[in-house]
Structure formats: C-alpha cells, structure tokens
C-alpha cells in the first residue's frame, strides 16, 4: 500500500465531531482498498492481534492503526453491509480528488 490517499471526513452540521482518527480514511489507489480506523471496529489492540495472526499488513497513519475494509467485513460479518456502504462513499469521495487532511 504505497499509494494511499488520506481523507478527513467532516460534517459541518454536527457540532460534536468524532475524534480525528475515526474521521480519517485511506484509499489505496493501486489496489482500490479502503482503510478504516481500527478504533471504530473493536479497538486497536484487538485488531492488531487479529491482523497479525491473519498475516494482514499493518498500516499506521496519524498515530493510529488502519484496517483494510475487506478484512473488516470478514471479521464483522454482521455489519458487512455497513462497511460496504462506507467503502462506496470513500471511493466516491476519492474519485472527486478532494484534498488530503
């Protein structure tokens, strides 16, 4: 994952923004993989251990661990549809070539 674009998603209508790490997403232009913050999906420590056992490459940015969305869908099948929705939005956002955080 050498060619990752990072985006900070914000909602100007929400006065209580989520923490930066939960609003930051990555898009690997080479593979099409979306990277989501581990803290939003079961916690960083849990995902670090599971990703290591599964042989998933660890991606750190902005002081946080990010997980490939495709891996998260397998780990959390009950919310796979929600992850797909997030992935679709990130890909659409990335296609608009917004500025990086």
PDB file of N, CA and C in Angstrom:
ATOM      1  N   UNK A   1       0.838  -1.174   0.000  1.00  0.00           N
ATOM      2  CA  UNK A   1       0.000   0.000   0.000  1.00  0.00           C
ATOM      3  C   UNK A   1       0.882   1.235   0.000  1.00  0.00           C
ATOM      4  N   UNK A   2       1.381   1.520  -1.172  1.00  0.00           N
ATOM      5  CA  UNK A   2       2.313   2.633  -1.299  1.00  0.00           C
ATOM      6  C   UNK A   2       1.626   3.925  -1.709  1.00  0.00           C
ATOM      7  N   UNK A   3       0.524   3.808  -2.399  1.00  0.00           N
ATOM      8  CA  UNK A   3      -0.110   4.995  -2.971  1.00  0.00           C
ATOM      9  C   UNK A   3      -1.459   5.247  -2.292  1.00  0.00           C
ATOM     10  N   UNK A   4      -1.411   5.556  -0.995  1.00  0.00           N
ATOM     11  CA  UNK A   4      -2.634   5.766  -0.215  1.00  0.00           C
ATOM     12  C   UNK A   4      -2.934   7.255  -0.122  1.00  0.00           C
ATOM     13  N   UNK A   5      -4.159   7.605  -0.463  1.00  0.00           N
ATOM     14  CA  UNK A   5      -4.659   8.963  -0.249  1.00  0.00           C
ATOM     15  C   UNK A   5      -5.406   8.951   1.081  1.00  0.00           C
ATOM     16  N   UNK A   6      -5.156   9.935   1.895  1.00  0.00           N
ATOM     17  CA  UNK A   6      -5.828  10.039   3.196  1.00  0.00           C
ATOM     18  C   UNK A   6      -6.804  11.203   3.162  1.00  0.00           C
ATOM     19  N   UNK A   7      -7.961  10.968   3.742  1.00  0.00           N
ATOM     20  CA  UNK A   7      -9.015  11.982   3.786  1.00  0.00           C
ATOM     21  C   UNK A   7      -9.571  12.090   5.200  1.00  0.00           C
ATOM     22  N   UNK A   8      -9.895  13.308   5.592  1.00  0.00           N
ATOM     23  CA  UNK A   8     -10.593  13.554   6.847  1.00  0.00           C
ATOM     24  C   UNK A   8     -12.023  13.934   6.486  1.00  0.00           C
ATOM     25  N   UNK A   9     -12.948  13.118   6.908  1.00  0.00           N
ATOM     26  CA  UNK A   9     -14.353  13.357   6.607  1.00  0.00           C
ATOM     27  C   UNK A   9     -14.949  14.172   7.744  1.00  0.00           C
ATOM     28  N   UNK A  10     -15.581  15.278   7.414  1.00  0.00           N
ATOM     29  CA  UNK A  10     -16.192  16.101   8.454  1.00  0.00           C
ATOM     30  C   UNK A  10     -17.646  16.382   8.114  1.00  0.00           C
ATOM     31  N   UNK A  11     -18.367  16.751   9.132  1.00  0.00           N
ATOM     32  CA  UNK A  11     -19.775  17.086   8.988  1.00  0.00           C
ATOM     33  C   UNK A  11     -19.967  18.456   9.610  1.00  0.00           C
ATOM     34  N   UNK A  12     -20.092  19.463   8.784  1.00  0.00           N
ATOM     35  CA  UNK A  12     -20.182  20.829   9.294  1.00  0.00           C
ATOM     36  C   UNK A  12     -21.485  21.087  10.048  1.00  0.00           C
ATOM     37  N   UNK A  13     -22.475  20.195   9.929  1.00  0.00           N
ATOM     38  CA  UNK A  13     -23.736  20.389  10.641  1.00  0.00           C
ATOM     39  C   UNK A  13     -23.681  19.794  12.042  1.00  0.00           C
ATOM     40  N   UNK A  14     -22.664  18.983  12.329  1.00  0.00           N
ATOM     41  CA  UNK A  14     -22.561  18.323  13.622  1.00  0.00           C
ATOM     42  C   UNK A  14     -21.542  19.056  14.482  1.00  0.00           C
ATOM     43  N   UNK A  15     -22.007  19.648  15.570  1.00  0.00           N
ATOM     44  CA  UNK A  15     -21.111  20.419  16.429  1.00  0.00           C
ATOM     45  C   UNK A  15     -20.169  19.512  17.224  1.00  0.00           C
ATOM     46  N   UNK A  16     -20.586  18.288  17.474  1.00  0.00           N
ATOM     47  CA  UNK A  16     -19.740  17.346  18.211  1.00  0.00           C
ATOM     48  C   UNK A  16     -19.122  16.387  17.210  1.00  0.00           C
ATOM     49  N   UNK A  17     -17.994  16.743  16.664  1.00  0.00           N
ATOM     50  CA  UNK A  17     -17.307  15.910  15.682  1.00  0.00           C
ATOM     51  C   UNK A  17     -16.693  14.689  16.358  1.00  0.00           C
ATOM     52  N   UNK A  18     -16.640  13.593  15.621  1.00  0.00           N
ATOM     53  CA  UNK A  18     -15.905  12.431  16.091  1.00  0.00           C
ATOM     54  C   UNK A  18     -14.428  12.780  16.155  1.00  0.00           C
ATOM     55  N   UNK A  19     -13.691  12.035  16.945  1.00  0.00           N
ATOM     56  CA  UNK A  19     -12.249  12.262  17.018  1.00  0.00           C
ATOM     57  C   UNK A  19     -11.641  12.122  15.625  1.00  0.00           C
ATOM     58  N   UNK A  20     -10.519  12.809  15.403  1.00  0.00           N
ATOM     59  CA  UNK A  20      -9.858  12.821  14.106  1.00  0.00           C
ATOM     60  C   UNK A  20      -9.605  11.422  13.563  1.00  0.00           C
ATOM     61  N   UNK A  21      -9.100  10.515  14.397  1.00  0.00           N
ATOM     62  CA  UNK A  21      -8.763   9.190  13.904  1.00  0.00           C
ATOM     63  C   UNK A  21      -9.987   8.428  13.405  1.00  0.00           C
ATOM     64  N   UNK A  22     -11.140   8.686  13.938  1.00  0.00           N
ATOM     65  CA  UNK A  22     -12.342   7.997  13.486  1.00  0.00           C
ATOM     66  C   UNK A  22     -12.901   8.612  12.211  1.00  0.00           C
ATOM     67  N   UNK A  23     -12.481   9.827  11.899  1.00  0.00           N
ATOM     68  CA  UNK A  23     -12.951  10.504  10.690  1.00  0.00           C
ATOM     69  C   UNK A  23     -11.954  10.422   9.552  1.00  0.00           C
ATOM     70  N   UNK A  24     -10.795   9.841   9.796  1.00  0.00           N
ATOM     71  CA  UNK A  24      -9.787   9.733   8.763  1.00  0.00           C
ATOM     72  C   UNK A  24      -9.897   8.375   8.095  1.00  0.00           C
ATOM     73  N   UNK A  25      -9.873   8.384   6.780  1.00  0.00           N
ATOM     74  CA  UNK A  25      -9.961   7.145   5.999  1.00  0.00           C
ATOM     75  C   UNK A  25      -8.882   7.184   4.924  1.00  0.00           C
ATOM     76  N   UNK A  26      -8.473   6.019   4.506  1.00  0.00           N
ATOM     77  CA  UNK A  26      -7.469   5.923   3.456  1.00  0.00           C
ATOM     78  C   UNK A  26      -8.024   5.196   2.251  1.00  0.00           C
ATOM     79  N   UNK A  27      -7.502   5.565   1.095  1.00  0.00           N
ATOM     80  CA  UNK A  27      -7.876   4.891  -0.147  1.00  0.00           C
ATOM     81  C   UNK A  27      -6.601   4.571  -0.915  1.00  0.00           C
ATOM     82  N   UNK A  28      -6.326   3.282  -1.074  1.00  0.00           N
ATOM     83  CA  UNK A  28      -5.158   2.838  -1.820  1.00  0.00           C
ATOM     84  C   UNK A  28      -5.523   2.841  -3.296  1.00  0.00           C
ATOM     85  N   UNK A  29      -4.942   3.772  -4.027  1.00  0.00           N
ATOM     86  CA  UNK A  29      -5.278   3.920  -5.444  1.00  0.00           C
ATOM     87  C   UNK A  29      -4.836   2.722  -6.280  1.00  0.00           C
ATOM     88  N   UNK A  30      -3.799   2.009  -5.829  1.00  0.00           N
ATOM     89  CA  UNK A  30      -3.298   0.871  -6.596  1.00  0.00           C
ATOM     90  C   UNK A  30      -4.212  -0.347  -6.483  1.00  0.00           C
ATOM     91  N   UNK A  31      -4.656  -0.656  -5.271  1.00  0.00           N
ATOM     92  CA  UNK A  31      -5.462  -1.864  -5.048  1.00  0.00           C
ATOM     93  C   UNK A  31      -6.958  -1.578  -4.959  1.00  0.00           C
ATOM     94  N   UNK A  32      -7.326  -0.316  -4.730  1.00  0.00           N
ATOM     95  CA  UNK A  32      -8.730   0.018  -4.534  1.00  0.00           C
ATOM     96  C   UNK A  32      -9.213  -0.277  -3.121  1.00  0.00           C
ATOM     97  N   UNK A  33      -8.291  -0.630  -2.237  1.00  0.00           N
ATOM     98  CA  UNK A  33      -8.639  -0.960  -0.851  1.00  0.00           C
ATOM     99  C   UNK A  33      -8.898   0.300  -0.046  1.00  0.00           C
ATOM    100  N   UNK A  34      -9.923   0.246   0.788  1.00  0.00           N
ATOM    101  CA  UNK A  34     -10.246   1.342   1.699  1.00  0.00           C
ATOM    102  C   UNK A  34      -9.746   0.953   3.084  1.00  0.00           C
ATOM    103  N   UNK A  35      -9.121   1.901   3.762  1.00  0.00           N
ATOM    104  CA  UNK A  35      -8.579   1.678   5.099  1.00  0.00           C
ATOM    105  C   UNK A  35      -9.406   2.459   6.109  1.00  0.00           C
ATOM    106  N   UNK A  36      -9.854   1.754   7.146  1.00  0.00           N
ATOM    107  CA  UNK A  36     -10.687   2.360   8.174  1.00  0.00           C
ATOM    108  C   UNK A  36     -10.013   2.224   9.529  1.00  0.00           C
ATOM    109  N   UNK A  37     -10.284   3.164  10.400  1.00  0.00           N
ATOM    110  CA  UNK A  37      -9.641   3.204  11.710  1.00  0.00           C
ATOM    111  C   UNK A  37     -10.028   1.991  12.553  1.00  0.00           C
ATOM    112  N   UNK A  38      -9.021   1.311  13.094  1.00  0.00           N
ATOM    113  CA  UNK A  38      -9.245   0.122  13.914  1.00  0.00           C
ATOM    114  C   UNK A  38     -10.065   0.436  15.161  1.00  0.00           C
ATOM    115  N   UNK A  39      -9.919   1.641  15.707  1.00  0.00           N
ATOM    116  CA  UNK A  39     -10.657   2.013  16.914  1.00  0.00           C
ATOM    117  C   UNK A  39     -12.171   1.964  16.710  1.00  0.00           C
ATOM    118  N   UNK A  40     -12.616   2.170  15.501  1.00  0.00           N
ATOM    119  CA  UNK A  40     -14.057   2.180  15.228  1.00  0.00           C
ATOM    120  C   UNK A  40     -14.617   0.770  15.089  1.00  0.00           C
ATOM    121  N   UNK A  41     -13.743  -0.227  15.046  1.00  0.00           N
ATOM    122  CA  UNK A  41     -14.168  -1.601  14.820  1.00  0.00           C
ATOM    123  C   UNK A  41     -13.511  -2.539  15.822  1.00  0.00           C
ATOM    124  N   UNK A  42     -13.962  -2.510  17.049  1.00  0.00           N
ATOM    125  CA  UNK A  42     -13.489  -3.461  18.044  1.00  0.00           C
ATOM    126  C   UNK A  42     -12.222  -3.064  18.774  1.00  0.00           C
ATOM    127  N   UNK A  43     -11.634  -1.958  18.416  1.00  0.00           N
ATOM    128  CA  UNK A  43     -10.459  -1.474  19.121  1.00  0.00           C
ATOM    129  C   UNK A  43      -9.151  -1.811  18.434  1.00  0.00           C
ATOM    130  N   UNK A  44      -8.180  -0.972  18.691  1.00  0.00           N
ATOM    131  CA  UNK A  44      -6.887  -1.101  18.032  1.00  0.00           C
ATOM    132  C   UNK A  44      -6.138  -2.357  18.465  1.00  0.00           C
ATOM    133  N   UNK A  45      -6.109  -2.664  19.753  1.00  0.00           N
ATOM    134  CA  UNK A  45      -5.361  -3.830  20.235  1.00  0.00           C
ATOM    135  C   UNK A  45      -5.937  -5.120  19.687  1.00  0.00           C
ATOM    136  N   UNK A  46      -7.237  -5.253  19.730  1.00  0.00           N
ATOM    137  CA  UNK A  46      -7.902  -6.451  19.210  1.00  0.00           C
ATOM    138  C   UNK A  46      -7.570  -6.645  17.739  1.00  0.00           C
ATOM    139  N   UNK A  47      -7.690  -5.587  16.959  1.00  0.00           N
ATOM    140  CA  UNK A  47      -7.444  -5.698  15.526  1.00  0.00           C
ATOM    141  C   UNK A  47      -5.964  -5.901  15.213  1.00  0.00           C
ATOM    142  N   UNK A  48      -5.088  -5.296  15.980  1.00  0.00           N
ATOM    143  CA  UNK A  48      -3.656  -5.510  15.802  1.00  0.00           C
ATOM    144  C   UNK A  48      -3.314  -6.994  15.951  1.00  0.00           C
ATOM    145  N   UNK A  49      -3.808  -7.606  16.988  1.00  0.00           N
ATOM    146  CA  UNK A  49      -3.539  -9.030  17.225  1.00  0.00           C
ATOM    147  C   UNK A  49      -4.134  -9.886  16.117  1.00  0.00           C
ATOM    148  N   UNK A  50      -5.381  -9.645  15.771  1.00  0.00           N
ATOM    149  CA  UNK A  50      -6.044 -10.446  14.739  1.00  0.00           C
ATOM    150  C   UNK A  50      -5.396 -10.266  13.370  1.00  0.00           C
ATOM    151  N   UNK A  51      -5.056  -9.035  13.016  1.00  0.00           N
ATOM    152  CA  UNK A  51      -4.412  -8.785  11.728  1.00  0.00           C
ATOM    153  C   UNK A  51      -3.051  -9.471  11.668  1.00  0.00           C
ATOM    154  N   UNK A  52      -2.319  -9.440  12.772  1.00  0.00           N
ATOM    155  CA  UNK A  52      -1.014 -10.087  12.816  1.00  0.00           C
ATOM    156  C   UNK A  52      -1.155 -11.588  12.611  1.00  0.00           C
ATOM    157  N   UNK A  53      -2.095 -12.213  13.308  1.00  0.00           N
ATOM    158  CA  UNK A  53      -2.326 -13.649  13.142  1.00  0.00           C
ATOM    159  C   UNK A  53      -2.787 -14.001  11.734  1.00  0.00           C
ATOM    160  N   UNK A  54      -3.557 -13.103  11.128  1.00  0.00           N
ATOM    161  CA  UNK A  54      -4.085 -13.358   9.775  1.00  0.00           C
ATOM    162  C   UNK A  54      -3.094 -12.982   8.671  1.00  0.00           C
ATOM    163  N   UNK A  55      -1.956 -12.413   9.054  1.00  0.00           N
ATOM    164  CA  UNK A  55      -0.953 -12.035   8.063  1.00  0.00           C
ATOM    165  C   UNK A  55      -1.321 -10.790   7.263  1.00  0.00           C
ATOM    166  N   UNK A  56      -2.147  -9.931   7.841  1.00  0.00           N
ATOM    167  CA  UNK A  56      -2.572  -8.696   7.182  1.00  0.00           C
ATOM    168  C   UNK A  56      -1.538  -7.615   7.467  1.00  0.00           C
ATOM    169  N   UNK A  57      -1.119  -6.931   6.430  1.00  0.00           N
ATOM    170  CA  UNK A  57      -0.122  -5.865   6.582  1.00  0.00           C
ATOM    171  C   UNK A  57      -0.678  -4.757   7.468  1.00  0.00           C
ATOM    172  N   UNK A  58       0.126  -4.328   8.436  1.00  0.00           N
ATOM    173  CA  UNK A  58      -0.291  -3.272   9.354  1.00  0.00           C
ATOM    174  C   UNK A  58      -0.030  -1.913   8.724  1.00  0.00           C
ATOM    175  N   UNK A  59      -1.020  -1.049   8.801  1.00  0.00           N
ATOM    176  CA  UNK A  59      -0.902   0.298   8.249  1.00  0.00           C
ATOM    177  C   UNK A  59      -1.161   1.289   9.377  1.00  0.00           C
ATOM    178  N   UNK A  60      -0.136   2.072   9.688  1.00  0.00           N
ATOM    179  CA  UNK A  60      -0.258   3.118  10.694  1.00  0.00           C
ATOM    180  C   UNK A  60      -0.185   4.469  10.006  1.00  0.00           C
ATOM    181  N   UNK A  61      -1.059   5.355  10.431  1.00  0.00           N
ATOM    182  CA  UNK A  61      -1.053   6.736   9.951  1.00  0.00           C
ATOM    183  C   UNK A  61      -1.701   7.601  11.029  1.00  0.00           C
ATOM    184  N   UNK A  62      -1.196   8.804  11.165  1.00  0.00           N
ATOM    185  CA  UNK A  62      -1.762   9.752  12.123  1.00  0.00           C
ATOM    186  C   UNK A  62      -1.817   9.169  13.534  1.00  0.00           C
ATOM    187  N   UNK A  63      -0.860   8.292  13.846  1.00  0.00           N
ATOM    188  CA  UNK A  63      -0.776   7.708  15.176  1.00  0.00           C
ATOM    189  C   UNK A  63      -1.783   6.617  15.460  1.00  0.00           C
ATOM    190  N   UNK A  64      -2.425   6.089  14.429  1.00  0.00           N
ATOM    191  CA  UNK A  64      -3.461   5.072  14.606  1.00  0.00           C
ATOM    192  C   UNK A  64      -3.270   3.926  13.627  1.00  0.00           C
ATOM    193  N   UNK A  65      -3.831   2.771  14.011  1.00  0.00           N
ATOM    194  CA  UNK A  65      -3.845   1.601  13.143  1.00  0.00           C
ATOM    195  C   UNK A  65      -5.076   1.666  12.245  1.00  0.00           C
ATOM    196  N   UNK A  66      -4.872   1.389  10.959  1.00  0.00           N
ATOM    197  CA  UNK A  66      -5.972   1.347  10.000  1.00  0.00           C
ATOM    198  C   UNK A  66      -6.085  -0.060   9.429  1.00  0.00           C
ATOM    199  N   UNK A  67      -7.313  -0.516   9.252  1.00  0.00           N
ATOM    200  CA  UNK A  67      -7.601  -1.875   8.777  1.00  0.00           C
ATOM    201  C   UNK A  67      -8.180  -1.837   7.368  1.00  0.00           C
ATOM    202  N   UNK A  68      -7.806  -2.811   6.544  1.00  0.00           N
ATOM    203  CA  UNK A  68      -8.442  -2.915   5.227  1.00  0.00           C
ATOM    204  C   UNK A  68      -9.927  -3.265   5.398  1.00  0.00           C
ATOM    205  N   UNK A  69     -10.768  -2.564   4.680  1.00  0.00           N
ATOM    206  CA  UNK A  69     -12.210  -2.794   4.790  1.00  0.00           C
ATOM    207  C   UNK A  69     -12.584  -4.224   4.408  1.00  0.00           C
ATOM    208  N   UNK A  70     -11.897  -4.795   3.427  1.00  0.00           N
ATOM    209  CA  UNK A  70     -12.211  -6.174   3.033  1.00  0.00           C
ATOM    210  C   UNK A  70     -11.959  -7.147   4.182  1.00  0.00           C
ATOM    211  N   UNK A  71     -10.924  -6.911   4.949  1.00  0.00           N
ATOM    212  CA  UNK A  71     -10.637  -7.752   6.114  1.00  0.00           C
ATOM    213  C   UNK A  71     -11.679  -7.525   7.204  1.00  0.00           C
ATOM    214  N   UNK A  72     -12.044  -6.258   7.432  1.00  0.00           N
ATOM    215  CA  UNK A  72     -13.052  -5.952   8.451  1.00  0.00           C
ATOM    216  C   UNK A  72     -14.384  -6.629   8.156  1.00  0.00           C
ATOM    217  N   UNK A  73     -14.755  -6.713   6.882  1.00  0.00           N
ATOM    218  CA  UNK A  73     -16.012  -7.371   6.521  1.00  0.00           C
ATOM    219  C   UNK A  73     -16.014  -8.837   6.931  1.00  0.00           C
ATOM    220  N   UNK A  74     -14.871  -9.499   6.820  1.00  0.00           N
ATOM    221  CA  UNK A  74     -14.774 -10.890   7.249  1.00  0.00           C
ATOM    222  C   UNK A  74     -14.793 -11.018   8.759  1.00  0.00           C
ATOM    223  N   UNK A  75     -14.195 -10.065   9.445  1.00  0.00           N
ATOM    224  CA  UNK A  75     -14.143 -10.084  10.908  1.00  0.00           C
ATOM    225  C   UNK A  75     -15.480  -9.720  11.543  1.00  0.00           C
ATOM    226  N   UNK A  76     -16.226  -8.862  10.877  1.00  0.00           N
ATOM    227  CA  UNK A  76     -17.506  -8.375  11.410  1.00  0.00           C
ATOM    228  C   UNK A  76     -18.625  -8.578  10.388  1.00  0.00           C
ATOM    229  N   UNK A  77     -18.989  -9.826  10.101  1.00  0.00           N
ATOM    230  CA  UNK A  77     -19.984 -10.084   9.052  1.00  0.00           C
ATOM    231  C   UNK A  77     -21.352  -9.457   9.336  1.00  0.00           C
ATOM    232  N   UNK A  78     -21.683  -9.245  10.596  1.00  0.00           N
ATOM    233  CA  UNK A  78     -22.978  -8.658  10.934  1.00  0.00           C
ATOM    234  C   UNK A  78     -23.101  -7.214  10.435  1.00  0.00           C
ATOM    235  N   UNK A  79     -21.968  -6.542  10.243  1.00  0.00           N
ATOM    236  CA  UNK A  79     -22.014  -5.153   9.758  1.00  0.00           C
ATOM    237  C   UNK A  79     -21.332  -5.005   8.403  1.00  0.00           C
ATOM    238  N   UNK A  80     -21.193  -6.113   7.688  1.00  0.00           N
ATOM    239  CA  UNK A  80     -20.545  -6.071   6.367  1.00  0.00           C
ATOM    240  C   UNK A  80     -21.257  -5.114   5.424  1.00  0.00           C
ATOM    241  N   UNK A  81     -22.568  -5.056   5.493  1.00  0.00           N
ATOM    242  CA  UNK A  81     -23.331  -4.135   4.646  1.00  0.00           C
ATOM    243  C   UNK A  81     -23.010  -2.688   4.962  1.00  0.00           C
ATOM    244  N   UNK A  82     -22.842  -2.383   6.235  1.00  0.00           N
ATOM    245  CA  UNK A  82     -22.474  -1.022   6.635  1.00  0.00           C
ATOM    246  C   UNK A  82     -21.064  -0.673   6.148  1.00  0.00           C
ATOM    247  N   UNK A  83     -20.163  -1.640   6.248  1.00  0.00           N
ATOM    248  CA  UNK A  83     -18.793  -1.417   5.772  1.00  0.00           C
ATOM    249  C   UNK A  83     -18.803  -1.190   4.264  1.00  0.00           C
ATOM    250  N   UNK A  84     -19.604  -1.969   3.544  1.00  0.00           N
ATOM    251  CA  UNK A  84     -19.730  -1.758   2.095  1.00  0.00           C
ATOM    252  C   UNK A  84     -20.227  -0.354   1.777  1.00  0.00           C
ATOM    253  N   UNK A  85     -21.180   0.130   2.563  1.00  0.00           N
ATOM    254  CA  UNK A  85     -21.710   1.474   2.348  1.00  0.00           C
ATOM    255  C   UNK A  85     -20.604   2.519   2.563  1.00  0.00           C
ATOM    256  N   UNK A  86     -19.822   2.346   3.627  1.00  0.00           N
ATOM    257  CA  UNK A  86     -18.718   3.267   3.909  1.00  0.00           C
ATOM    258  C   UNK A  86     -17.707   3.226   2.773  1.00  0.00           C
ATOM    259  N   UNK A  87     -17.355   2.016   2.326  1.00  0.00           N
ATOM    260  CA  UNK A  87     -16.399   1.856   1.231  1.00  0.00           C
ATOM    261  C   UNK A  87     -16.881   2.590  -0.016  1.00  0.00           C
ATOM    262  N   UNK A  88     -18.149   2.432  -0.346  1.00  0.00           N
ATOM    263  CA  UNK A  88     -18.709   3.110  -1.514  1.00  0.00           C
ATOM    264  C   UNK A  88     -18.584   4.618  -1.410  1.00  0.00           C
ATOM    265  N   UNK A  89     -18.857   5.143  -0.230  1.00  0.00           N
ATOM    266  CA  UNK A  89     -18.757   6.591  -0.014  1.00  0.00           C
ATOM    267  C   UNK A  89     -17.308   7.066  -0.125  1.00  0.00           C
ATOM    268  N   UNK A  90     -16.382   6.295   0.444  1.00  0.00           N
ATOM    269  CA  UNK A  90     -14.970   6.683   0.386  1.00  0.00           C
ATOM    270  C   UNK A  90     -14.466   6.665  -1.050  1.00  0.00           C
ATOM    271  N   UNK A  91     -14.819   5.631  -1.800  1.00  0.00           N
ATOM    272  CA  UNK A  91     -14.395   5.546  -3.203  1.00  0.00           C
ATOM    273  C   UNK A  91     -14.972   6.707  -3.998  1.00  0.00           C
ATOM    274  N   UNK A  92     -16.228   7.025  -3.757  1.00  0.00           N
ATOM    275  CA  UNK A  92     -16.860   8.157  -4.436  1.00  0.00           C
ATOM    276  C   UNK A  92     -16.149   9.458  -4.051  1.00  0.00           C
ATOM    277  N   UNK A  93     -15.851   9.619  -2.786  1.00  0.00           N
ATOM    278  CA  UNK A  93     -15.157  10.814  -2.296  1.00  0.00           C
ATOM    279  C   UNK A  93     -13.767  10.904  -2.914  1.00  0.00           C
ATOM    280  N   UNK A  94     -13.047   9.784  -2.955  1.00  0.00           N
ATOM    281  CA  UNK A  94     -11.693   9.760  -3.507  1.00  0.00           C
ATOM    282  C   UNK A  94     -11.701  10.096  -4.993  1.00  0.00           C
ATOM    283  N   UNK A  95     -12.740   9.671  -5.690  1.00  0.00           N
ATOM    284  CA  UNK A  95     -12.832   9.933  -7.129  1.00  0.00           C
ATOM    285  C   UNK A  95     -12.963  11.428  -7.409  1.00  0.00           C
ATOM    286  N   UNK A  96     -13.460  12.172  -6.446  1.00  0.00           N
ATOM    287  CA  UNK A  96     -13.606  13.618  -6.623  1.00  0.00           C
ATOM    288  C   UNK A  96     -12.290  14.348  -6.381  1.00  0.00           C
ATOM    289  N   UNK A  97     -11.264  13.600  -5.956  1.00  0.00           N
ATOM    290  CA  UNK A  97      -9.916  14.128  -5.750  1.00  0.00           C
ATOM    291  C   UNK A  97      -9.896  15.291  -4.764  1.00  0.00           C
ATOM    292  N   UNK A  98     -10.519  15.060  -3.583  1.00  0.00           N
ATOM    293  CA  UNK A  98     -10.502  16.064  -2.536  1.00  0.00           C
ATOM    294  C   UNK A  98      -9.102  16.184  -1.955  1.00  0.00           C
ATOM    295  N   UNK A  99      -8.889  17.272  -1.224  1.00  0.00           N
ATOM    296  CA  UNK A  99      -7.592  17.498  -0.616  1.00  0.00           C
ATOM    297  C   UNK A  99      -7.376  16.549   0.551  1.00  0.00           C
ATOM    298  N   UNK A 100      -6.108  16.254   0.818  1.00  0.00           N
ATOM    299  CA  UNK A 100      -5.715  15.393   1.928  1.00  0.00           C
ATOM    300  C   UNK A 100      -5.819  16.165   3.222  1.00  0.00           C
ATOM    301  N   UNK A 101      -5.941  15.434   4.373  1.00  0.00           N
ATOM    302  CA  UNK A 101      -6.028  16.155   5.659  1.00  0.00           C
ATOM    303  C   UNK A 101      -4.717  16.828   6.023  1.00  0.00           C
TER     304      UNK A 101
END
